[in-house]
Amino acid sequence: MPLADQSVDLLIDNENLADMTPVQFTGDELLMFKGENPQHEEALDLIRRMRLPLTPPFPDEVIFNYGAIQFLQEVWRVLKPGGRAILIEFGIEKDWPSPVKLPGHTEYEVQFSHLRHAAKWLGFREQYCTLPQLLGMKPDTQVLCTGAAYTLRRICRELEKPFSVRAYTKNELGTALGDLLPKLNGLHYHNVSDPAWFGLLDFKVLLVEKPGGMNIGQQPVFKESAGFRWYTQR
């Protein structure tokens, strides 16, 4: 990143890790620990240095979140002592990542047990939760299903009416659609914690803090919000 060492207090990375460069190993590459090309050799060296606990047997093809772990190294470099980062992305905690085909591009699930191991190896203090837990969402809040939201966006485009795809409560949808809402039938709502094309519980959050923010003889300055203390560097 084009940022100086130890220059950042707070870094937020939202829905970006899955776009970072993956490496697709063969099972034999991991078993023999020998890469087929220079990039694979670099990724294997990173796995070796961080002592990622990869246990055979391996499938014939394995996706490794090489770019995401490289990014985490950059986060360590640019954060000040006491600095924090919030990393949010959809992902898994077991097995290997899978490709996710989206309109116009492919993303890759983030293996968060690997990312958490790398964070600890780098020296971060880390906390881990799902996105609804971070935001304090009530799991029984009723929201419009994702499929209906995309259908409404297509209808509104034809009517030249602005409409954004998001999780609408009934009151919020009424505000967004106005006098169009009474003309629509069959809108389905569900609990915000239930899957609807994708589930919010699939989005994970890794909170990391770089140690060393307290100066000897000085009290750290912080604000407390939702149970978290956010320190300011002086």
C-alpha atoms as a PDB file:
ATOM      1  CA  MET A   1       0.000   0.000   0.000  1.00  0.00           C
ATOM      2  CA  PRO A   2       1.285   3.526  -0.745  1.00  0.00           C
ATOM      3  CA  LEU A   3       1.423   4.378   2.958  1.00  0.00           C
ATOM      4  CA  ALA A   4       4.388   4.962   5.232  1.00  0.00           C
ATOM      5  CA  ASP A   5       5.371   2.527   7.960  1.00  0.00           C
ATOM      6  CA  GLN A   6       3.435   3.009  11.209  1.00  0.00           C
ATOM      7  CA  SER A   7       1.377   5.894   9.808  1.00  0.00           C
ATOM      8  CA  VAL A   8      -2.234   4.700  10.266  1.00  0.00           C
ATOM      9  CA  ASP A   9      -4.460   4.757  13.378  1.00  0.00           C
ATOM     10  CA  LEU A  10      -7.466   2.914  11.950  1.00  0.00           C
ATOM     11  CA  LEU A  11      -7.870   0.856   8.768  1.00  0.00           C
ATOM     12  CA  ILE A  12     -11.225  -0.514   7.540  1.00  0.00           C
ATOM     13  CA  ASP A  13     -11.303  -3.071   4.727  1.00  0.00           C
ATOM     14  CA  ASN A  14     -14.856  -4.017   3.746  1.00  0.00           C
ATOM     15  CA  GLU A  15     -15.672  -6.750   1.182  1.00  0.00           C
ATOM     16  CA  ASN A  16     -12.286  -6.557  -0.485  1.00  0.00           C
ATOM     17  CA  LEU A  17     -10.285  -9.579   0.716  1.00  0.00           C
ATOM     18  CA  ALA A  18     -12.142 -12.020  -1.555  1.00  0.00           C
ATOM     19  CA  ASP A  19     -10.950 -10.063  -4.619  1.00  0.00           C
ATOM     20  CA  MET A  20      -7.275 -10.381  -3.695  1.00  0.00           C
ATOM     21  CA  THR A  21      -5.007 -12.751  -5.621  1.00  0.00           C
ATOM     22  CA  PRO A  22      -5.552 -16.432  -4.795  1.00  0.00           C
ATOM     23  CA  VAL A  23      -3.084 -19.218  -5.517  1.00  0.00           C
ATOM     24  CA  GLN A  24      -4.494 -22.500  -6.771  1.00  0.00           C
ATOM     25  CA  PHE A  25      -2.189 -25.307  -5.674  1.00  0.00           C
ATOM     26  CA  THR A  26      -2.337 -28.922  -6.684  1.00  0.00           C
ATOM     27  CA  GLY A  27      -2.524 -31.356  -3.807  1.00  0.00           C
ATOM     28  CA  ASP A  28       0.925 -32.654  -4.761  1.00  0.00           C
ATOM     29  CA  GLU A  29       2.439 -29.161  -4.458  1.00  0.00           C
ATOM     30  CA  LEU A  30       1.313 -28.944  -0.842  1.00  0.00           C
ATOM     31  CA  LEU A  31       2.263 -32.532  -0.099  1.00  0.00           C
ATOM     32  CA  MET A  32       5.789 -32.156  -1.540  1.00  0.00           C
ATOM     33  CA  PHE A  33       6.029 -28.444  -0.626  1.00  0.00           C
ATOM     34  CA  LYS A  34       7.380 -27.592  -4.053  1.00  0.00           C
ATOM     35  CA  GLY A  35       5.705 -24.980  -6.253  1.00  0.00           C
ATOM     36  CA  GLU A  36       5.129 -25.261  -9.987  1.00  0.00           C
ATOM     37  CA  ASN A  37       6.084 -21.610 -10.618  1.00  0.00           C
ATOM     38  CA  PRO A  38       7.726 -18.676  -8.761  1.00  0.00           C
ATOM     39  CA  GLN A  39       4.428 -17.320  -7.371  1.00  0.00           C
ATOM     40  CA  HIS A  40       3.540 -20.718  -5.947  1.00  0.00           C
ATOM     41  CA  GLU A  41       7.022 -20.990  -4.423  1.00  0.00           C
ATOM     42  CA  GLU A  42       6.536 -17.577  -2.755  1.00  0.00           C
ATOM     43  CA  ALA A  43       3.154 -18.658  -1.400  1.00  0.00           C
ATOM     44  CA  LEU A  44       4.604 -21.911  -0.051  1.00  0.00           C
ATOM     45  CA  ASP A  45       7.430 -19.965   1.585  1.00  0.00           C
ATOM     46  CA  LEU A  46       4.817 -17.751   3.282  1.00  0.00           C
ATOM     47  CA  ILE A  47       2.968 -20.838   4.530  1.00  0.00           C
ATOM     48  CA  ARG A  48       6.256 -22.260   5.827  1.00  0.00           C
ATOM     49  CA  ARG A  49       7.321 -19.061   7.615  1.00  0.00           C
ATOM     50  CA  MET A  50       3.920 -18.554   9.248  1.00  0.00           C
ATOM     51  CA  ARG A  51       3.692 -22.263  10.112  1.00  0.00           C
ATOM     52  CA  LEU A  52       0.135 -22.493   8.866  1.00  0.00           C
ATOM     53  CA  PRO A  53      -1.259 -25.828  10.110  1.00  0.00           C
ATOM     54  CA  LEU A  54      -2.097 -27.564   6.825  1.00  0.00           C
ATOM     55  CA  THR A  55      -2.760 -31.264   7.283  1.00  0.00           C
ATOM     56  CA  PRO A  56      -2.992 -33.890   4.500  1.00  0.00           C
ATOM     57  CA  PRO A  57      -4.736 -35.492   2.744  1.00  0.00           C
ATOM     58  CA  PHE A  58      -5.212 -32.588   0.337  1.00  0.00           C
ATOM     59  CA  PRO A  59      -7.773 -32.422  -2.498  1.00  0.00           C
ATOM     60  CA  ASP A  60      -6.513 -32.433  -6.082  1.00  0.00           C
ATOM     61  CA  GLU A  61      -6.893 -28.634  -6.291  1.00  0.00           C
ATOM     62  CA  VAL A  62      -6.575 -26.211  -3.375  1.00  0.00           C
ATOM     63  CA  ILE A  63      -7.280 -22.458  -3.294  1.00  0.00           C
ATOM     64  CA  PHE A  64      -5.092 -20.502  -0.885  1.00  0.00           C
ATOM     65  CA  ASN A  65      -5.852 -16.840   0.026  1.00  0.00           C
ATOM     66  CA  TYR A  66      -2.348 -15.650  -0.795  1.00  0.00           C
ATOM     67  CA  GLY A  67      -3.305 -12.025  -1.510  1.00  0.00           C
ATOM     68  CA  ALA A  68      -5.388 -11.681   1.659  1.00  0.00           C
ATOM     69  CA  ILE A  69      -2.514 -12.846   3.860  1.00  0.00           C
ATOM     70  CA  GLN A  70      -0.072 -10.575   2.011  1.00  0.00           C
ATOM     71  CA  PHE A  71      -2.494  -7.721   2.687  1.00  0.00           C
ATOM     72  CA  LEU A  72      -2.533  -8.597   6.383  1.00  0.00           C
ATOM     73  CA  GLN A  73       1.259  -8.224   6.396  1.00  0.00           C
ATOM     74  CA  GLU A  74       0.842  -4.747   4.914  1.00  0.00           C
ATOM     75  CA  VAL A  75      -1.730  -3.903   7.598  1.00  0.00           C
ATOM     76  CA  TRP A  76       0.887  -4.764  10.230  1.00  0.00           C
ATOM     77  CA  ARG A  77       3.440  -2.547   8.477  1.00  0.00           C
ATOM     78  CA  VAL A  78       1.293   0.577   8.147  1.00  0.00           C
ATOM     79  CA  LEU A  79      -0.505   0.530  11.521  1.00  0.00           C
ATOM     80  CA  LYS A  80       0.923   2.585  14.351  1.00  0.00           C
ATOM     81  CA  PRO A  81       1.520   0.823  17.674  1.00  0.00           C
ATOM     82  CA  GLY A  82      -1.961   0.713  19.197  1.00  0.00           C
ATOM     83  CA  GLY A  83      -3.528   1.039  15.735  1.00  0.00           C
ATOM     84  CA  ARG A  84      -6.474  -1.127  14.773  1.00  0.00           C
ATOM     85  CA  ALA A  85      -7.960  -2.669  11.639  1.00  0.00           C
ATOM     86  CA  ILE A  86     -11.412  -4.038  10.838  1.00  0.00           C
ATOM     87  CA  LEU A  87     -11.436  -6.664   8.063  1.00  0.00           C
ATOM     88  CA  ILE A  88     -14.871  -7.756   6.772  1.00  0.00           C
ATOM     89  CA  GLU A  89     -15.553 -10.380   4.100  1.00  0.00           C
ATOM     90  CA  PHE A  90     -17.594 -13.504   3.406  1.00  0.00           C
ATOM     91  CA  GLY A  91     -15.725 -16.641   4.282  1.00  0.00           C
ATOM     92  CA  ILE A  92     -15.356 -19.992   5.969  1.00  0.00           C
ATOM     93  CA  GLU A  93     -13.658 -21.389   9.064  1.00  0.00           C
ATOM     94  CA  LYS A  94     -13.020 -24.959   7.885  1.00  0.00           C
ATOM     95  CA  ASP A  95     -11.886 -26.713   4.700  1.00  0.00           C
ATOM     96  CA  TRP A  96     -10.602 -24.811   1.648  1.00  0.00           C
ATOM     97  CA  PRO A  97     -12.013 -21.728  -0.106  1.00  0.00           C
ATOM     98  CA  SER A  98     -14.278 -22.090  -3.119  1.00  0.00           C
ATOM     99  CA  PRO A  99     -14.672 -19.715  -6.072  1.00  0.00           C
ATOM    100  CA  VAL A 100     -17.841 -17.621  -6.072  1.00  0.00           C
ATOM    101  CA  LYS A 101     -18.956 -16.525  -9.537  1.00  0.00           C
ATOM    102  CA  LEU A 102     -20.537 -13.071  -9.514  1.00  0.00           C
ATOM    103  CA  PRO A 103     -21.693 -10.915 -12.458  1.00  0.00           C
ATOM    104  CA  GLY A 104     -18.550  -9.874 -14.304  1.00  0.00           C
ATOM    105  CA  HIS A 105     -15.983 -11.454 -11.981  1.00  0.00           C
ATOM    106  CA  THR A 106     -15.091 -14.318  -9.658  1.00  0.00           C
ATOM    107  CA  GLU A 107     -14.303 -13.948  -5.963  1.00  0.00           C
ATOM    108  CA  TYR A 108     -12.886 -16.484  -3.517  1.00  0.00           C
ATOM    109  CA  GLU A 109     -14.077 -17.346  -0.022  1.00  0.00           C
ATOM    110  CA  VAL A 110     -11.673 -16.270   2.724  1.00  0.00           C
ATOM    111  CA  GLN A 111     -10.437 -19.028   5.024  1.00  0.00           C
ATOM    112  CA  PHE A 112     -10.585 -17.134   8.314  1.00  0.00           C
ATOM    113  CA  SER A 113      -8.802 -19.750  10.430  1.00  0.00           C
ATOM    114  CA  HIS A 114      -5.760 -19.194   8.163  1.00  0.00           C
ATOM    115  CA  LEU A 115      -6.169 -15.422   8.412  1.00  0.00           C
ATOM    116  CA  ARG A 116      -6.456 -15.549  12.218  1.00  0.00           C
ATOM    117  CA  HIS A 117      -3.357 -17.738  12.459  1.00  0.00           C
ATOM    118  CA  ALA A 118      -1.434 -15.279  10.277  1.00  0.00           C
ATOM    119  CA  ALA A 119      -2.614 -12.355  12.429  1.00  0.00           C
ATOM    120  CA  LYS A 120      -1.346 -14.037  15.596  1.00  0.00           C
ATOM    121  CA  TRP A 121       1.937 -14.968  13.911  1.00  0.00           C
ATOM    122  CA  LEU A 122       2.467 -11.326  12.901  1.00  0.00           C
ATOM    123  CA  GLY A 123       1.887 -10.259  16.520  1.00  0.00           C
ATOM    124  CA  PHE A 124      -1.622  -8.824  16.383  1.00  0.00           C
ATOM    125  CA  ARG A 125      -4.146  -9.058  19.165  1.00  0.00           C
ATOM    126  CA  GLU A 126      -7.219 -10.345  17.372  1.00  0.00           C
ATOM    127  CA  GLN A 127     -10.947 -10.769  17.871  1.00  0.00           C
ATOM    128  CA  TYR A 128     -13.288 -12.610  15.533  1.00  0.00           C
ATOM    129  CA  CYS A 129     -17.061 -12.589  15.047  1.00  0.00           C
ATOM    130  CA  THR A 130     -19.791 -12.536  12.424  1.00  0.00           C
ATOM    131  CA  LEU A 131     -20.996  -9.290  10.870  1.00  0.00           C
ATOM    132  CA  PRO A 132     -24.423  -9.368  12.630  1.00  0.00           C
ATOM    133  CA  GLN A 133     -22.610  -9.768  15.959  1.00  0.00           C
ATOM    134  CA  LEU A 134     -20.360  -6.791  15.216  1.00  0.00           C
ATOM    135  CA  LEU A 135     -23.319  -4.580  14.307  1.00  0.00           C
ATOM    136  CA  GLY A 136     -25.508  -5.812  17.158  1.00  0.00           C
ATOM    137  CA  MET A 137     -28.297  -6.884  14.800  1.00  0.00           C
ATOM    138  CA  LYS A 138     -31.442  -8.419  16.257  1.00  0.00           C
ATOM    139  CA  PRO A 139     -31.669 -11.795  14.478  1.00  0.00           C
ATOM    140  CA  ASP A 140     -35.481 -11.737  14.265  1.00  0.00           C
ATOM    141  CA  THR A 141     -35.676  -8.345  12.503  1.00  0.00           C
ATOM    142  CA  GLN A 142     -37.858  -8.820   9.399  1.00  0.00           C
ATOM    143  CA  VAL A 143     -36.271  -7.672   6.121  1.00  0.00           C
ATOM    144  CA  LEU A 144     -37.130  -7.980   2.440  1.00  0.00           C
ATOM    145  CA  CYS A 145     -35.570 -11.036   0.802  1.00  0.00           C
ATOM    146  CA  THR A 146     -32.625 -10.383  -1.495  1.00  0.00           C
ATOM    147  CA  GLY A 147     -34.321 -11.811  -4.605  1.00  0.00           C
ATOM    148  CA  ALA A 148     -37.261  -9.433  -4.212  1.00  0.00           C
ATOM    149  CA  ALA A 149     -34.886  -6.489  -3.807  1.00  0.00           C
ATOM    150  CA  TYR A 150     -33.170  -7.279  -7.133  1.00  0.00           C
ATOM    151  CA  THR A 151     -36.546  -7.725  -8.867  1.00  0.00           C
ATOM    152  CA  LEU A 152     -37.695  -4.354  -7.525  1.00  0.00           C
ATOM    153  CA  ARG A 153     -34.530  -2.731  -8.823  1.00  0.00           C
ATOM    154  CA  ARG A 154     -35.291  -4.004 -12.352  1.00  0.00           C
ATOM    155  CA  ILE A 155     -38.871  -2.713 -12.112  1.00  0.00           C
ATOM    156  CA  CYS A 156     -37.707   0.677 -10.857  1.00  0.00           C
ATOM    157  CA  ARG A 157     -35.158   0.957 -13.680  1.00  0.00           C
ATOM    158  CA  GLU A 158     -37.984   0.580 -16.214  1.00  0.00           C
ATOM    159  CA  LEU A 159     -39.921   3.276 -14.347  1.00  0.00           C
ATOM    160  CA  GLU A 160     -36.783   5.453 -14.130  1.00  0.00           C
ATOM    161  CA  LYS A 161     -37.145   5.439 -10.359  1.00  0.00           C
ATOM    162  CA  PRO A 162     -34.021   5.123  -8.143  1.00  0.00           C
ATOM    163  CA  PHE A 163     -33.848   2.014  -5.968  1.00  0.00           C
ATOM    164  CA  SER A 164     -30.860   0.488  -4.158  1.00  0.00           C
ATOM    165  CA  VAL A 165     -30.522  -3.186  -3.262  1.00  0.00           C
ATOM    166  CA  ARG A 166     -30.278  -3.544   0.519  1.00  0.00           C
ATOM    167  CA  ALA A 167     -32.028  -5.199   3.466  1.00  0.00           C
ATOM    168  CA  TYR A 168     -35.276  -3.201   3.838  1.00  0.00           C
ATOM    169  CA  THR A 169     -37.669  -3.397   6.757  1.00  0.00           C
ATOM    170  CA  LYS A 170     -41.328  -2.858   5.797  1.00  0.00           C
ATOM    171  CA  ASN A 171     -41.245   0.780   6.894  1.00  0.00           C
ATOM    172  CA  GLU A 172     -37.980   1.438   5.034  1.00  0.00           C
ATOM    173  CA  LEU A 173     -39.349  -0.146   1.853  1.00  0.00           C
ATOM    174  CA  GLY A 174     -42.436   2.049   2.083  1.00  0.00           C
ATOM    175  CA  THR A 175     -40.223   5.125   2.292  1.00  0.00           C
ATOM    176  CA  ALA A 176     -38.132   3.963  -0.691  1.00  0.00           C
ATOM    177  CA  LEU A 177     -41.046   3.040  -2.993  1.00  0.00           C
ATOM    178  CA  GLY A 178     -43.733   5.522  -1.953  1.00  0.00           C
ATOM    179  CA  ASP A 179     -47.000   5.147  -3.925  1.00  0.00           C
ATOM    180  CA  LEU A 180     -45.532   2.225  -5.924  1.00  0.00           C
ATOM    181  CA  LEU A 181     -45.648  -0.140  -2.922  1.00  0.00           C
ATOM    182  CA  PRO A 182     -49.473  -0.656  -2.789  1.00  0.00           C
ATOM    183  CA  LYS A 183     -49.348  -1.817  -6.429  1.00  0.00           C
ATOM    184  CA  LEU A 184     -46.991  -4.719  -5.621  1.00  0.00           C
ATOM    185  CA  ASN A 185     -47.978  -8.188  -4.393  1.00  0.00           C
ATOM    186  CA  GLY A 186     -46.070 -11.196  -3.071  1.00  0.00           C
ATOM    187  CA  LEU A 187     -43.213  -9.419  -1.326  1.00  0.00           C
ATOM    188  CA  HIS A 188     -41.523 -11.831   1.050  1.00  0.00           C
ATOM    189  CA  TYR A 189     -39.833 -10.879   4.336  1.00  0.00           C
ATOM    190  CA  HIS A 190     -37.657 -13.077   6.525  1.00  0.00           C
ATOM    191  CA  ASN A 191     -35.478 -12.863   9.620  1.00  0.00           C
ATOM    192  CA  VAL A 192     -32.288 -10.919   8.937  1.00  0.00           C
ATOM    193  CA  SER A 193     -30.285 -13.914  10.222  1.00  0.00           C
ATOM    194  CA  ASP A 194     -31.800 -16.304   7.633  1.00  0.00           C
ATOM    195  CA  PRO A 195     -30.035 -16.940   4.315  1.00  0.00           C
ATOM    196  CA  ALA A 196     -31.392 -15.174   1.226  1.00  0.00           C
ATOM    197  CA  TRP A 197     -29.060 -15.825  -1.703  1.00  0.00           C
ATOM    198  CA  PHE A 198     -26.272 -15.199   0.793  1.00  0.00           C
ATOM    199  CA  GLY A 199     -26.514 -15.125   4.568  1.00  0.00           C
ATOM    200  CA  LEU A 200     -25.217 -12.315   6.723  1.00  0.00           C
ATOM    201  CA  LEU A 201     -23.723 -14.927   9.045  1.00  0.00           C
ATOM    202  CA  ASP A 202     -21.405 -15.895   6.169  1.00  0.00           C
ATOM    203  CA  PHE A 203     -19.768 -12.475   6.483  1.00  0.00           C
ATOM    204  CA  LYS A 204     -16.995 -12.610   9.070  1.00  0.00           C
ATOM    205  CA  VAL A 205     -15.132  -9.843  10.886  1.00  0.00           C
ATOM    206  CA  LEU A 206     -11.518  -9.933  12.017  1.00  0.00           C
ATOM    207  CA  LEU A 207     -10.586  -7.136  14.435  1.00  0.00           C
ATOM    208  CA  VAL A 208      -6.854  -6.723  14.949  1.00  0.00           C
ATOM    209  CA  GLU A 209      -4.804  -4.409  17.159  1.00  0.00           C
ATOM    210  CA  LYS A 210      -1.078  -3.797  16.888  1.00  0.00           C
ATOM    211  CA  PRO A 211       0.380  -3.859  20.417  1.00  0.00           C
ATOM    212  CA  GLY A 212       2.527  -1.132  21.910  1.00  0.00           C
ATOM    213  CA  GLY A 213       0.251   1.886  21.903  1.00  0.00           C
ATOM    214  CA  MET A 214       0.827   2.952  25.512  1.00  0.00           C
ATOM    215  CA  ASN A 215       3.680   5.357  26.134  1.00  0.00           C
ATOM    216  CA  ILE A 216       5.531   5.096  29.437  1.00  0.00           C
ATOM    217  CA  GLY A 217       4.341   7.780  31.840  1.00  0.00           C
ATOM    218  CA  GLN A 218       1.360   8.771  29.684  1.00  0.00           C
ATOM    219  CA  GLN A 219      -2.261   7.655  29.799  1.00  0.00           C
ATOM    220  CA  PRO A 220      -3.728   6.482  26.485  1.00  0.00           C
ATOM    221  CA  VAL A 221      -6.564   8.561  25.074  1.00  0.00           C
ATOM    222  CA  PHE A 222      -9.595   6.533  24.006  1.00  0.00           C
ATOM    223  CA  LYS A 223     -13.306   6.625  23.295  1.00  0.00           C
ATOM    224  CA  GLU A 224     -15.557   3.711  24.171  1.00  0.00           C
ATOM    225  CA  SER A 225     -18.247   2.597  21.724  1.00  0.00           C
ATOM    226  CA  ALA A 226     -20.391  -0.536  21.892  1.00  0.00           C
ATOM    227  CA  GLY A 227     -17.992  -2.169  24.324  1.00  0.00           C
ATOM    228  CA  PHE A 228     -14.835  -1.470  22.288  1.00  0.00           C
ATOM    229  CA  ARG A 229     -12.140   1.008  23.295  1.00  0.00           C
ATOM    230  CA  TRP A 230     -10.638   2.923  20.384  1.00  0.00           C
ATOM    231  CA  TYR A 231      -7.266   4.455  21.219  1.00  0.00           C
ATOM    232  CA  THR A 232      -5.875   7.649  19.714  1.00  0.00           C
ATOM    233  CA  GLN A 233      -2.145   7.944  19.106  1.00  0.00           C
ATOM    234  CA  ARG A 234      -0.424  11.160  20.204  1.00  0.00           C
END
